Amino acid sequence: MSSGRPYLTWFQVAVSVGCLAWLAARPEIHQGLWEAILQADLSWLGIGLLVAGGVVALGIVRWQLFLRLQGLHLSWGETTKLSLIGGFFNLILIGAVGGDAIKILYLIRRFPQKKSQAVASILMDHLCGLPVVIFFYAYFCLTRWEWLATTGLSSQIALFAGIYLGASLIGVGFLFLVALLGLTKRTPPGLPWRDHAIRFCDTLTLFIRHWPASLLGIFLSFFIHLLYFATFGCGAQAVQAGVRWLDLFTIMPVVDVITTLPVSISGLGLRETLLESFLSQLCQVAPERGVMVSLLGFGMSAAWSVLGGLLFPFYRPKGAATWRQVVRQAKAA
């Protein structure tokens, strides 16, 4: 583990705790939060859980697509269990190791001769999300910029998200050009993150070379993001927040982009602060209900991660070491 990682972890914890503490300290929020919980519509919570389950299911299908593309043949049952367990580790392990590391290490132990393919399956799975996020941002945010610009803060945050997305796209494009020209192996060995850059460039090349599978992955990612945003819509309906679906789908791409920054724990605290601010300023939603929309949206997804925790004690991957050894290796990686 790199020496700088613990400091980043403590910073992320501080941001998440600080944001949640600031929200809880506001009287208009902590006084009305319990009332909002008691008035929640359970039917919408049930619908939201099903929608979040759809996100998980499509994510499993997408990862299985890239596993098979890389010659890593797992059964649907194994892929499902490993995906849920990976989500569980994403939820409970703060900064030390993520679900992706757990899945990669398991795949390496299962297929010891296919380390690069294991990593590529995860990277290709994530790459599918970038064009979809850019599409949602362009379709909802740019076409409704006048509405987002109603308050200065919301437009500034949306602009920052757009700049961040643009920079990410430029960075990926640059790395693809480097890979296309075969320059990755010619870089000096001492450069920081050289191995990661080479691996990512190789994955980009695979992503383009296998464009039919990549397009299918992007197609699945479109519905994954759509359903993910819809879980927060179900949360809004559950607490009678009075938010139009169109307004929420305009706000969510901005919130989703900002919370991918590694400044908080899974976006917790930061997501609640952003949604509360956007919903109160743009949709005139009571602050406590704005916080509840965020917590319920996050909680519906977290519930499926908890299912991974229930599976974890009873699942031992075939051909791999015990999970304790896998987790230990992931923490040391």
C-alpha atoms as a PDB file:
ATOM      1  CA  MET A   1       0.000   0.000   0.000  1.00  0.00           C
ATOM      2  CA  SER A   2       1.398   3.393  -0.907  1.00  0.00           C
ATOM      3  CA  SER A   3       2.370   5.693   1.916  1.00  0.00           C
ATOM      4  CA  GLY A   4       0.035   8.431   0.696  1.00  0.00           C
ATOM      5  CA  ARG A   5      -3.084   6.306   0.675  1.00  0.00           C
ATOM      6  CA  PRO A   6      -3.799   6.448   4.447  1.00  0.00           C
ATOM      7  CA  TYR A   7      -3.735  10.261   4.300  1.00  0.00           C
ATOM      8  CA  LEU A   8      -6.216  10.241   1.418  1.00  0.00           C
ATOM      9  CA  THR A   9      -8.427   7.857   3.395  1.00  0.00           C
ATOM     10  CA  TRP A  10      -8.454  10.125   6.437  1.00  0.00           C
ATOM     11  CA  PHE A  11      -9.211  13.114   4.208  1.00  0.00           C
ATOM     12  CA  GLN A  12     -12.152  11.242   2.644  1.00  0.00           C
ATOM     13  CA  VAL A  13     -13.458  10.284   6.080  1.00  0.00           C
ATOM     14  CA  ALA A  14     -13.137  13.888   7.248  1.00  0.00           C
ATOM     15  CA  VAL A  15     -15.074  15.216   4.242  1.00  0.00           C
ATOM     16  CA  SER A  16     -17.892  12.655   4.597  1.00  0.00           C
ATOM     17  CA  VAL A  17     -18.221  13.104   8.363  1.00  0.00           C
ATOM     18  CA  GLY A  18     -17.906  16.871   8.080  1.00  0.00           C
ATOM     19  CA  CYS A  19     -20.659  17.139   5.442  1.00  0.00           C
ATOM     20  CA  LEU A  20     -23.019  14.877   7.404  1.00  0.00           C
ATOM     21  CA  ALA A  21     -22.283  16.721  10.656  1.00  0.00           C
ATOM     22  CA  TRP A  22     -22.944  20.085   8.999  1.00  0.00           C
ATOM     23  CA  LEU A  23     -26.284  18.858   7.669  1.00  0.00           C
ATOM     24  CA  ALA A  24     -27.275  17.309  11.002  1.00  0.00           C
ATOM     25  CA  ALA A  25     -26.389  20.503  12.870  1.00  0.00           C
ATOM     26  CA  ARG A  26     -28.873  22.565  10.873  1.00  0.00           C
ATOM     27  CA  PRO A  27     -32.115  22.819  12.886  1.00  0.00           C
ATOM     28  CA  GLU A  28     -34.394  22.812   9.841  1.00  0.00           C
ATOM     29  CA  ILE A  29     -32.931  19.438   8.853  1.00  0.00           C
ATOM     30  CA  HIS A  30     -32.614  17.454  12.075  1.00  0.00           C
ATOM     31  CA  GLN A  31     -35.997  18.654  13.341  1.00  0.00           C
ATOM     32  CA  GLY A  32     -37.893  17.536  10.245  1.00  0.00           C
ATOM     33  CA  LEU A  33     -35.864  14.457   9.318  1.00  0.00           C
ATOM     34  CA  TRP A  34     -37.680  12.040  11.624  1.00  0.00           C
ATOM     35  CA  GLU A  35     -41.075  13.313  10.435  1.00  0.00           C
ATOM     36  CA  ALA A  36     -40.003  12.759   6.815  1.00  0.00           C
ATOM     37  CA  ILE A  37     -38.983   9.200   7.694  1.00  0.00           C
ATOM     38  CA  LEU A  38     -42.306   8.427   9.385  1.00  0.00           C
ATOM     39  CA  GLN A  39     -44.270   9.791   6.437  1.00  0.00           C
ATOM     40  CA  ALA A  40     -42.305   7.834   3.813  1.00  0.00           C
ATOM     41  CA  ASP A  41     -44.405   5.853   1.342  1.00  0.00           C
ATOM     42  CA  LEU A  42     -43.324   2.208   1.690  1.00  0.00           C
ATOM     43  CA  SER A  43     -44.651   1.277  -1.751  1.00  0.00           C
ATOM     44  CA  TRP A  44     -42.222   3.691  -3.411  1.00  0.00           C
ATOM     45  CA  LEU A  45     -39.410   2.312  -1.272  1.00  0.00           C
ATOM     46  CA  GLY A  46     -40.257  -1.166  -2.542  1.00  0.00           C
ATOM     47  CA  ILE A  47     -40.260   0.069  -6.140  1.00  0.00           C
ATOM     48  CA  GLY A  48     -36.931   1.761  -5.518  1.00  0.00           C
ATOM     49  CA  LEU A  49     -35.396  -1.469  -4.221  1.00  0.00           C
ATOM     50  CA  LEU A  50     -36.523  -3.270  -7.369  1.00  0.00           C
ATOM     51  CA  VAL A  51     -35.101  -0.507  -9.551  1.00  0.00           C
ATOM     52  CA  ALA A  52     -31.789  -0.692  -7.656  1.00  0.00           C
ATOM     53  CA  GLY A  53     -31.874  -4.453  -8.216  1.00  0.00           C
ATOM     54  CA  GLY A  54     -32.141  -3.745 -11.934  1.00  0.00           C
ATOM     55  CA  VAL A  55     -28.952  -1.669 -11.706  1.00  0.00           C
ATOM     56  CA  VAL A  56     -27.157  -4.606 -10.071  1.00  0.00           C
ATOM     57  CA  ALA A  57     -28.523  -7.138 -12.573  1.00  0.00           C
ATOM     58  CA  LEU A  58     -27.514  -5.108 -15.632  1.00  0.00           C
ATOM     59  CA  GLY A  59     -24.106  -4.511 -14.092  1.00  0.00           C
ATOM     60  CA  ILE A  60     -23.633  -8.276 -13.754  1.00  0.00           C
ATOM     61  CA  VAL A  61     -24.630  -8.798 -17.399  1.00  0.00           C
ATOM     62  CA  ARG A  62     -22.190  -6.100 -18.523  1.00  0.00           C
ATOM     63  CA  TRP A  63     -19.266  -7.519 -16.541  1.00  0.00           C
ATOM     64  CA  GLN A  64     -20.008 -11.047 -17.766  1.00  0.00           C
ATOM     65  CA  LEU A  65     -19.831  -9.681 -21.322  1.00  0.00           C
ATOM     66  CA  PHE A  66     -16.267  -8.452 -20.806  1.00  0.00           C
ATOM     67  CA  LEU A  67     -15.219 -11.488 -18.782  1.00  0.00           C
ATOM     68  CA  ARG A  68     -16.101 -13.743 -21.695  1.00  0.00           C
ATOM     69  CA  LEU A  69     -14.473 -11.361 -24.141  1.00  0.00           C
ATOM     70  CA  GLN A  70     -11.233 -11.797 -22.176  1.00  0.00           C
ATOM     71  CA  GLY A  71     -11.578 -15.595 -22.054  1.00  0.00           C
ATOM     72  CA  LEU A  72     -12.468 -15.649 -18.358  1.00  0.00           C
ATOM     73  CA  HIS A  73     -15.334 -18.095 -18.159  1.00  0.00           C
ATOM     74  CA  LEU A  74     -17.295 -17.781 -14.931  1.00  0.00           C
ATOM     75  CA  SER A  75     -20.763 -19.155 -14.504  1.00  0.00           C
ATOM     76  CA  TRP A  76     -23.601 -16.683 -14.122  1.00  0.00           C
ATOM     77  CA  GLY A  77     -23.939 -17.789 -10.498  1.00  0.00           C
ATOM     78  CA  GLU A  78     -20.283 -17.092  -9.742  1.00  0.00           C
ATOM     79  CA  THR A  79     -20.388 -13.735 -11.529  1.00  0.00           C
ATOM     80  CA  THR A  80     -23.487 -12.737  -9.557  1.00  0.00           C
ATOM     81  CA  LYS A  81     -22.024 -13.759  -6.202  1.00  0.00           C
ATOM     82  CA  LEU A  82     -18.692 -12.101  -6.882  1.00  0.00           C
ATOM     83  CA  SER A  83     -20.388  -8.876  -8.048  1.00  0.00           C
ATOM     84  CA  LEU A  84     -22.539  -8.698  -4.912  1.00  0.00           C
ATOM     85  CA  ILE A  85     -19.560  -9.444  -2.664  1.00  0.00           C
ATOM     86  CA  GLY A  86     -17.536  -6.787  -4.483  1.00  0.00           C
ATOM     87  CA  GLY A  87     -20.336  -4.303  -3.800  1.00  0.00           C
ATOM     88  CA  PHE A  88     -20.278  -5.317  -0.138  1.00  0.00           C
ATOM     89  CA  PHE A  89     -16.539  -4.581   0.123  1.00  0.00           C
ATOM     90  CA  ASN A  90     -17.071  -1.236  -1.606  1.00  0.00           C
ATOM     91  CA  LEU A  91     -19.567  -0.425   1.126  1.00  0.00           C
ATOM     92  CA  ILE A  92     -17.670  -1.525   4.244  1.00  0.00           C
ATOM     93  CA  LEU A  93     -13.955  -1.130   3.500  1.00  0.00           C
ATOM     94  CA  ILE A  94     -13.081   2.530   3.867  1.00  0.00           C
ATOM     95  CA  GLY A  95     -10.239   3.414   1.554  1.00  0.00           C
ATOM     96  CA  ALA A  96      -8.211   0.246   2.196  1.00  0.00           C
ATOM     97  CA  VAL A  97      -9.459  -1.860  -0.683  1.00  0.00           C
ATOM     98  CA  GLY A  98     -12.395  -1.723  -3.054  1.00  0.00           C
ATOM     99  CA  GLY A  99     -14.645  -4.311  -4.568  1.00  0.00           C
ATOM    100  CA  ASP A 100     -12.741  -4.084  -7.866  1.00  0.00           C
ATOM    101  CA  ALA A 101      -9.514  -5.150  -6.147  1.00  0.00           C
ATOM    102  CA  ILE A 102     -11.291  -8.097  -4.545  1.00  0.00           C
ATOM    103  CA  LYS A 103     -12.717  -9.202  -7.899  1.00  0.00           C
ATOM    104  CA  ILE A 104      -9.388  -8.803  -9.694  1.00  0.00           C
ATOM    105  CA  LEU A 105      -7.460 -10.764  -7.077  1.00  0.00           C
ATOM    106  CA  TYR A 106     -10.019 -13.553  -7.130  1.00  0.00           C
ATOM    107  CA  LEU A 107      -9.847 -13.734 -10.925  1.00  0.00           C
ATOM    108  CA  ILE A 108      -6.043 -13.809 -10.832  1.00  0.00           C
ATOM    109  CA  ARG A 109      -6.074 -16.729  -8.397  1.00  0.00           C
ATOM    110  CA  ARG A 110      -8.717 -18.485 -10.470  1.00  0.00           C
ATOM    111  CA  PHE A 111      -6.925 -17.773 -13.772  1.00  0.00           C
ATOM    112  CA  PRO A 112      -3.243 -17.268 -12.819  1.00  0.00           C
ATOM    113  CA  GLN A 113      -2.090 -16.989 -16.443  1.00  0.00           C
ATOM    114  CA  LYS A 114      -4.581 -14.232 -17.266  1.00  0.00           C
ATOM    115  CA  LYS A 115      -3.725 -11.371 -14.936  1.00  0.00           C
ATOM    116  CA  SER A 116      -3.896  -8.682 -17.632  1.00  0.00           C
ATOM    117  CA  GLN A 117      -7.227 -10.053 -18.882  1.00  0.00           C
ATOM    118  CA  ALA A 118      -8.667  -9.910 -15.355  1.00  0.00           C
ATOM    119  CA  VAL A 119      -7.714  -6.255 -14.997  1.00  0.00           C
ATOM    120  CA  ALA A 120      -8.932  -5.472 -18.522  1.00  0.00           C
ATOM    121  CA  SER A 121     -12.378  -6.938 -17.810  1.00  0.00           C
ATOM    122  CA  ILE A 122     -12.824  -4.478 -14.922  1.00  0.00           C
ATOM    123  CA  LEU A 123     -11.409  -1.481 -16.796  1.00  0.00           C
ATOM    124  CA  MET A 124     -13.540  -2.126 -19.891  1.00  0.00           C
ATOM    125  CA  ASP A 125     -16.567  -2.461 -17.634  1.00  0.00           C
ATOM    126  CA  HIS A 126     -15.883   0.999 -16.192  1.00  0.00           C
ATOM    127  CA  LEU A 127     -14.997   2.594 -19.518  1.00  0.00           C
ATOM    128  CA  CYS A 128     -18.540   2.003 -20.743  1.00  0.00           C
ATOM    129  CA  GLY A 129     -19.811   4.529 -18.232  1.00  0.00           C
ATOM    130  CA  LEU A 130     -17.883   7.576 -19.477  1.00  0.00           C
ATOM    131  CA  PRO A 131     -19.710   8.144 -22.805  1.00  0.00           C
ATOM    132  CA  VAL A 132     -23.040   7.567 -21.065  1.00  0.00           C
ATOM    133  CA  VAL A 133     -22.339  10.137 -18.339  1.00  0.00           C
ATOM    134  CA  ILE A 134     -21.243  12.623 -21.004  1.00  0.00           C
ATOM    135  CA  PHE A 135     -24.470  11.967 -22.920  1.00  0.00           C
ATOM    136  CA  PHE A 136     -26.683  12.484 -19.858  1.00  0.00           C
ATOM    137  CA  TYR A 137     -24.811  15.652 -18.921  1.00  0.00           C
ATOM    138  CA  ALA A 138     -25.138  17.038 -22.456  1.00  0.00           C
ATOM    139  CA  TYR A 139     -28.763  15.994 -22.916  1.00  0.00           C
ATOM    140  CA  PHE A 140     -30.157  17.130 -19.566  1.00  0.00           C
ATOM    141  CA  CYS A 141     -27.774  19.771 -18.232  1.00  0.00           C
ATOM    142  CA  LEU A 142     -26.727  21.649 -21.346  1.00  0.00           C
ATOM    143  CA  THR A 143     -30.237  21.722 -22.829  1.00  0.00           C
ATOM    144  CA  ARG A 144     -31.619  23.046 -19.523  1.00  0.00           C
ATOM    145  CA  TRP A 145     -28.747  25.347 -18.626  1.00  0.00           C
ATOM    146  CA  GLU A 146     -31.010  28.352 -18.131  1.00  0.00           C
ATOM    147  CA  TRP A 147     -32.901  26.453 -15.456  1.00  0.00           C
ATOM    148  CA  LEU A 148     -29.659  25.278 -13.788  1.00  0.00           C
ATOM    149  CA  ALA A 149     -28.369  28.861 -13.879  1.00  0.00           C
ATOM    150  CA  THR A 150     -31.329  30.096 -11.811  1.00  0.00           C
ATOM    151  CA  THR A 151     -28.925  30.280  -8.870  1.00  0.00           C
ATOM    152  CA  GLY A 152     -25.251  31.087  -9.176  1.00  0.00           C
ATOM    153  CA  LEU A 153     -24.081  28.153  -7.028  1.00  0.00           C
ATOM    154  CA  SER A 154     -25.900  25.472  -9.026  1.00  0.00           C
ATOM    155  CA  SER A 155     -24.543  26.759 -12.330  1.00  0.00           C
ATOM    156  CA  GLN A 156     -21.002  26.940 -10.916  1.00  0.00           C
ATOM    157  CA  ILE A 157     -21.157  23.351  -9.671  1.00  0.00           C
ATOM    158  CA  ALA A 158     -22.639  22.195 -12.986  1.00  0.00           C
ATOM    159  CA  LEU A 159     -19.911  24.052 -14.873  1.00  0.00           C
ATOM    160  CA  PHE A 160     -17.225  22.418 -12.725  1.00  0.00           C
ATOM    161  CA  ALA A 161     -18.744  18.990 -13.447  1.00  0.00           C
ATOM    162  CA  GLY A 162     -18.695  19.773 -17.168  1.00  0.00           C
ATOM    163  CA  ILE A 163     -15.042  20.853 -17.048  1.00  0.00           C
ATOM    164  CA  TYR A 164     -14.153  17.693 -15.120  1.00  0.00           C
ATOM    165  CA  LEU A 165     -15.955  15.544 -17.677  1.00  0.00           C
ATOM    166  CA  GLY A 166     -14.266  17.369 -20.537  1.00  0.00           C
ATOM    167  CA  ALA A 167     -10.840  16.928 -18.956  1.00  0.00           C
ATOM    168  CA  SER A 168     -11.530  13.210 -18.442  1.00  0.00           C
ATOM    169  CA  LEU A 169     -12.523  12.849 -22.093  1.00  0.00           C
ATOM    170  CA  ILE A 170      -9.391  14.683 -23.245  1.00  0.00           C
ATOM    171  CA  GLY A 171      -7.239  12.502 -20.986  1.00  0.00           C
ATOM    172  CA  VAL A 172      -8.764   9.284 -22.302  1.00  0.00           C
ATOM    173  CA  GLY A 173      -8.402  10.545 -25.873  1.00  0.00           C
ATOM    174  CA  PHE A 174      -4.736  11.380 -25.299  1.00  0.00           C
ATOM    175  CA  LEU A 175      -4.008   7.947 -23.821  1.00  0.00           C
ATOM    176  CA  PHE A 176      -5.791   6.299 -26.729  1.00  0.00           C
ATOM    177  CA  LEU A 177      -3.639   8.281 -29.169  1.00  0.00           C
ATOM    178  CA  VAL A 178      -0.516   7.213 -27.267  1.00  0.00           C
ATOM    179  CA  ALA A 179      -1.655   3.577 -27.433  1.00  0.00           C
ATOM    180  CA  LEU A 180      -2.555   3.867 -31.123  1.00  0.00           C
ATOM    181  CA  LEU A 181       0.924   5.175 -31.960  1.00  0.00           C
ATOM    182  CA  GLY A 182       2.572   2.476 -29.853  1.00  0.00           C
ATOM    183  CA  LEU A 183       4.319   4.964 -27.578  1.00  0.00           C
ATOM    184  CA  THR A 184       3.423   3.430 -24.201  1.00  0.00           C
ATOM    185  CA  LYS A 185       6.361   1.023 -24.055  1.00  0.00           C
ATOM    186  CA  ARG A 186       8.819   3.784 -25.013  1.00  0.00           C
ATOM    187  CA  THR A 187       8.157   5.897 -21.931  1.00  0.00           C
ATOM    188  CA  PRO A 188      10.974   6.048 -19.315  1.00  0.00           C
ATOM    189  CA  PRO A 189      10.656   3.248 -16.703  1.00  0.00           C
ATOM    190  CA  GLY A 190      10.881   5.666 -13.776  1.00  0.00           C
ATOM    191  CA  LEU A 191       7.769   7.666 -14.625  1.00  0.00           C
ATOM    192  CA  PRO A 192       5.104   7.621 -11.869  1.00  0.00           C
ATOM    193  CA  TRP A 193       2.024   5.542 -12.670  1.00  0.00           C
ATOM    194  CA  ARG A 194       3.736   4.228 -15.820  1.00  0.00           C
ATOM    195  CA  ASP A 195       2.478   0.656 -15.356  1.00  0.00           C
ATOM    196  CA  HIS A 196      -1.077   1.857 -14.722  1.00  0.00           C
ATOM    197  CA  ALA A 197      -0.975   4.079 -17.810  1.00  0.00           C
ATOM    198  CA  ILE A 198       0.292   1.221 -19.985  1.00  0.00           C
ATOM    199  CA  ARG A 199      -2.403  -1.096 -18.684  1.00  0.00           C
ATOM    200  CA  PHE A 200      -5.086   1.517 -19.289  1.00  0.00           C
ATOM    201  CA  CYS A 201      -3.813   2.226 -22.818  1.00  0.00           C
ATOM    202  CA  ASP A 202      -3.849  -1.471 -23.635  1.00  0.00           C
ATOM    203  CA  THR A 203      -7.423  -1.675 -22.365  1.00  0.00           C
ATOM    204  CA  LEU A 204      -8.433   1.303 -24.508  1.00  0.00           C
ATOM    205  CA  THR A 205      -7.043  -0.466 -27.558  1.00  0.00           C
ATOM    206  CA  LEU A 206      -9.077  -3.567 -26.696  1.00  0.00           C
ATOM    207  CA  PHE A 207     -12.140  -1.385 -26.140  1.00  0.00           C
ATOM    208  CA  ILE A 208     -11.903  -0.009 -29.681  1.00  0.00           C
ATOM    209  CA  ARG A 209     -10.830  -3.280 -31.299  1.00  0.00           C
ATOM    210  CA  HIS A 210     -13.826  -5.131 -29.862  1.00  0.00           C
ATOM    211  CA  TRP A 211     -16.226  -2.314 -30.693  1.00  0.00           C
ATOM    212  CA  PRO A 212     -19.396  -4.464 -31.024  1.00  0.00           C
ATOM    213  CA  ALA A 213     -19.018  -5.697 -27.426  1.00  0.00           C
ATOM    214  CA  SER A 214     -18.067  -2.188 -26.292  1.00  0.00           C
ATOM    215  CA  LEU A 215     -21.193  -0.731 -27.913  1.00  0.00           C
ATOM    216  CA  LEU A 216     -23.308  -3.351 -26.165  1.00  0.00           C
ATOM    217  CA  GLY A 217     -21.616  -2.442 -22.882  1.00  0.00           C
ATOM    218  CA  ILE A 218     -22.360   1.246 -23.477  1.00  0.00           C
ATOM    219  CA  PHE A 219     -25.979   0.356 -24.298  1.00  0.00           C
ATOM    220  CA  LEU A 220     -26.253  -1.511 -20.984  1.00  0.00           C
ATOM    221  CA  SER A 221     -24.577   1.395 -19.175  1.00  0.00           C
ATOM    222  CA  PHE A 222     -27.238   3.753 -20.515  1.00  0.00           C
ATOM    223  CA  PHE A 223     -29.964   1.802 -18.722  1.00  0.00           C
ATOM    224  CA  ILE A 224     -27.778   1.265 -15.648  1.00  0.00           C
ATOM    225  CA  HIS A 225     -27.403   5.024 -15.193  1.00  0.00           C
ATOM    226  CA  LEU A 226     -31.045   5.640 -16.048  1.00  0.00           C
ATOM    227  CA  LEU A 227     -32.178   3.183 -13.367  1.00  0.00           C
ATOM    228  CA  TYR A 228     -29.627   4.510 -10.882  1.00  0.00           C
ATOM    229  CA  PHE A 229     -31.008   8.035 -11.259  1.00  0.00           C
ATOM    230  CA  ALA A 230     -34.511   6.591 -10.981  1.00  0.00           C
ATOM    231  CA  THR A 231     -33.725   5.176  -7.509  1.00  0.00           C
ATOM    232  CA  PHE A 232     -33.386   8.759  -6.280  1.00  0.00           C
ATOM    233  CA  GLY A 233     -36.642   9.580  -8.059  1.00  0.00           C
ATOM    234  CA  CYS A 234     -38.309   6.783  -6.102  1.00  0.00           C
ATOM    235  CA  GLY A 235     -36.809   8.242  -2.929  1.00  0.00           C
ATOM    236  CA  ALA A 236     -38.263  11.639  -3.827  1.00  0.00           C
ATOM    237  CA  GLN A 237     -41.680  10.093  -4.386  1.00  0.00           C
ATOM    238  CA  ALA A 238     -41.432   8.177  -1.106  1.00  0.00           C
ATOM    239  CA  VAL A 239     -40.948  11.344   0.967  1.00  0.00           C
ATOM    240  CA  GLN A 240     -43.381  13.427  -1.119  1.00  0.00           C
ATOM    241  CA  ALA A 241     -40.619  15.873  -2.060  1.00  0.00           C
ATOM    242  CA  GLY A 242     -42.616  17.239  -4.984  1.00  0.00           C
ATOM    243  CA  VAL A 243     -39.728  16.998  -7.462  1.00  0.00           C
ATOM    244  CA  ARG A 244     -40.436  16.557 -11.156  1.00  0.00           C
ATOM    245  CA  TRP A 245     -38.654  13.594 -12.713  1.00  0.00           C
ATOM    246  CA  LEU A 246     -37.192  15.856 -15.414  1.00  0.00           C
ATOM    247  CA  ASP A 247     -35.717  18.193 -12.800  1.00  0.00           C
ATOM    248  CA  LEU A 248     -34.188  15.322 -10.844  1.00  0.00           C
ATOM    249  CA  PHE A 249     -32.712  13.781 -14.000  1.00  0.00           C
ATOM    250  CA  THR A 250     -31.164  17.174 -14.807  1.00  0.00           C
ATOM    251  CA  ILE A 251     -29.537  17.410 -11.382  1.00  0.00           C
ATOM    252  CA  MET A 252     -28.349  13.808 -11.015  1.00  0.00           C
ATOM    253  CA  PRO A 253     -25.644  13.789 -13.751  1.00  0.00           C
ATOM    254  CA  VAL A 254     -23.960  16.742 -12.030  1.00  0.00           C
ATOM    255  CA  VAL A 255     -24.155  15.116  -8.595  1.00  0.00           C
ATOM    256  CA  ASP A 256     -22.981  11.799 -10.026  1.00  0.00           C
ATOM    257  CA  VAL A 257     -19.913  13.380 -11.639  1.00  0.00           C
ATOM    258  CA  ILE A 258     -18.914  15.365  -8.538  1.00  0.00           C
ATOM    259  CA  THR A 259     -19.225  12.348  -6.233  1.00  0.00           C
ATOM    260  CA  THR A 260     -16.815  10.329  -8.395  1.00  0.00           C
ATOM    261  CA  LEU A 261     -14.041  12.641  -7.196  1.00  0.00           C
ATOM    262  CA  PRO A 262     -11.962  10.810  -4.545  1.00  0.00           C
ATOM    263  CA  VAL A 263     -12.726  13.332  -1.820  1.00  0.00           C
ATOM    264  CA  SER A 264     -15.307  11.398   0.216  1.00  0.00           C
ATOM    265  CA  ILE A 265     -16.250   7.828   1.137  1.00  0.00           C
ATOM    266  CA  SER A 266     -18.440   6.531  -1.707  1.00  0.00           C
ATOM    267  CA  GLY A 267     -19.780  10.084  -2.077  1.00  0.00           C
ATOM    268  CA  LEU A 268     -21.446   9.852   1.355  1.00  0.00           C
ATOM    269  CA  GLY A 269     -22.071  13.259   2.874  1.00  0.00           C
ATOM    270  CA  LEU A 270     -21.006  15.079  -0.279  1.00  0.00           C
ATOM    271  CA  ARG A 271     -23.948  13.604  -2.211  1.00  0.00           C
ATOM    272  CA  GLU A 272     -26.408  14.631   0.501  1.00  0.00           C
ATOM    273  CA  THR A 273     -24.993  18.150   0.662  1.00  0.00           C
ATOM    274  CA  LEU A 274     -25.176  18.608  -3.112  1.00  0.00           C
ATOM    275  CA  LEU A 275     -28.674  17.181  -3.538  1.00  0.00           C
ATOM    276  CA  GLU A 276     -30.034  19.168  -0.605  1.00  0.00           C
ATOM    277  CA  SER A 277     -28.594  22.354  -2.097  1.00  0.00           C
ATOM    278  CA  PHE A 278     -29.810  21.681  -5.652  1.00  0.00           C
ATOM    279  CA  LEU A 279     -33.295  20.544  -4.618  1.00  0.00           C
ATOM    280  CA  SER A 280     -33.873  23.405  -2.180  1.00  0.00           C
ATOM    281  CA  GLN A 281     -32.607  26.128  -4.525  1.00  0.00           C
ATOM    282  CA  LEU A 282     -34.004  24.867  -7.829  1.00  0.00           C
ATOM    283  CA  CYS A 283     -37.089  22.874  -6.785  1.00  0.00           C
ATOM    284  CA  GLN A 284     -38.027  24.541  -3.481  1.00  0.00           C
ATOM    285  CA  VAL A 285     -37.795  21.206  -1.632  1.00  0.00           C
ATOM    286  CA  ALA A 286     -37.603  21.359   2.165  1.00  0.00           C
ATOM    287  CA  PRO A 287     -33.984  20.735   3.281  1.00  0.00           C
ATOM    288  CA  GLU A 288     -34.786  17.642   5.340  1.00  0.00           C
ATOM    289  CA  ARG A 289     -36.623  16.042   2.431  1.00  0.00           C
ATOM    290  CA  GLY A 290     -33.741  16.817   0.089  1.00  0.00           C
ATOM    291  CA  VAL A 291     -31.382  14.985   2.457  1.00  0.00           C
ATOM    292  CA  MET A 292     -33.808  12.074   2.686  1.00  0.00           C
ATOM    293  CA  VAL A 293     -34.000  11.810  -1.120  1.00  0.00           C
ATOM    294  CA  SER A 294     -30.242  11.337  -1.195  1.00  0.00           C
ATOM    295  CA  LEU A 295     -30.075   8.928   1.751  1.00  0.00           C
ATOM    296  CA  LEU A 296     -32.892   6.777   0.365  1.00  0.00           C
ATOM    297  CA  GLY A 297     -31.371   6.683  -3.124  1.00  0.00           C
ATOM    298  CA  PHE A 298     -28.039   5.610  -1.668  1.00  0.00           C
ATOM    299  CA  GLY A 299     -29.693   3.203   0.762  1.00  0.00           C
ATOM    300  CA  MET A 300     -31.579   1.333  -1.955  1.00  0.00           C
ATOM    301  CA  SER A 301     -28.298   0.513  -3.686  1.00  0.00           C
ATOM    302  CA  ALA A 302     -26.574  -0.216  -0.377  1.00  0.00           C
ATOM    303  CA  ALA A 303     -29.268  -2.787   0.441  1.00  0.00           C
ATOM    304  CA  TRP A 304     -28.052  -4.950  -2.453  1.00  0.00           C
ATOM    305  CA  SER A 305     -24.489  -4.576  -1.192  1.00  0.00           C
ATOM    306  CA  VAL A 306     -25.646  -5.879   2.176  1.00  0.00           C
ATOM    307  CA  LEU A 307     -26.955  -8.938   0.330  1.00  0.00           C
ATOM    308  CA  GLY A 308     -23.370  -9.506  -0.784  1.00  0.00           C
ATOM    309  CA  GLY A 309     -22.370  -9.431   2.870  1.00  0.00           C
ATOM    310  CA  LEU A 310     -24.913 -12.153   3.645  1.00  0.00           C
ATOM    311  CA  LEU A 311     -23.511 -14.303   0.822  1.00  0.00           C
ATOM    312  CA  PHE A 312     -19.906 -13.723   1.812  1.00  0.00           C
ATOM    313  CA  PRO A 313     -19.613 -16.192   4.758  1.00  0.00           C
ATOM    314  CA  PHE A 314     -21.097 -19.041   2.697  1.00  0.00           C
ATOM    315  CA  TYR A 315     -19.207 -18.553  -0.562  1.00  0.00           C
ATOM    316  CA  ARG A 316     -15.756 -19.904  -1.244  1.00  0.00           C
ATOM    317  CA  PRO A 317     -14.540 -19.240  -4.799  1.00  0.00           C
ATOM    318  CA  LYS A 318     -13.470 -22.291  -6.746  1.00  0.00           C
ATOM    319  CA  GLY A 319      -9.750 -22.614  -7.348  1.00  0.00           C
ATOM    320  CA  ALA A 320      -8.919 -19.632  -5.138  1.00  0.00           C
ATOM    321  CA  ALA A 321      -7.595 -19.155  -1.634  1.00  0.00           C
ATOM    322  CA  THR A 322      -9.857 -18.308   1.280  1.00  0.00           C
ATOM    323  CA  TRP A 323     -11.476 -14.893   1.219  1.00  0.00           C
ATOM    324  CA  ARG A 324      -9.346 -13.852   4.193  1.00  0.00           C
ATOM    325  CA  GLN A 325      -6.202 -14.403   2.104  1.00  0.00           C
ATOM    326  CA  VAL A 326      -7.738 -12.599  -0.874  1.00  0.00           C
ATOM    327  CA  VAL A 327      -8.650  -9.569   1.261  1.00  0.00           C
ATOM    328  CA  ARG A 328      -5.172  -9.544   2.858  1.00  0.00           C
ATOM    329  CA  GLN A 329      -3.549  -9.522  -0.578  1.00  0.00           C
ATOM    330  CA  ALA A 330      -5.886  -6.768  -1.765  1.00  0.00           C
ATOM    331  CA  LYS A 331      -4.930  -4.556   1.186  1.00  0.00           C
ATOM    332  CA  ALA A 332      -1.252  -5.110   0.417  1.00  0.00           C
ATOM    333  CA  ALA A 333      -1.678  -4.327  -3.297  1.00  0.00           C
END
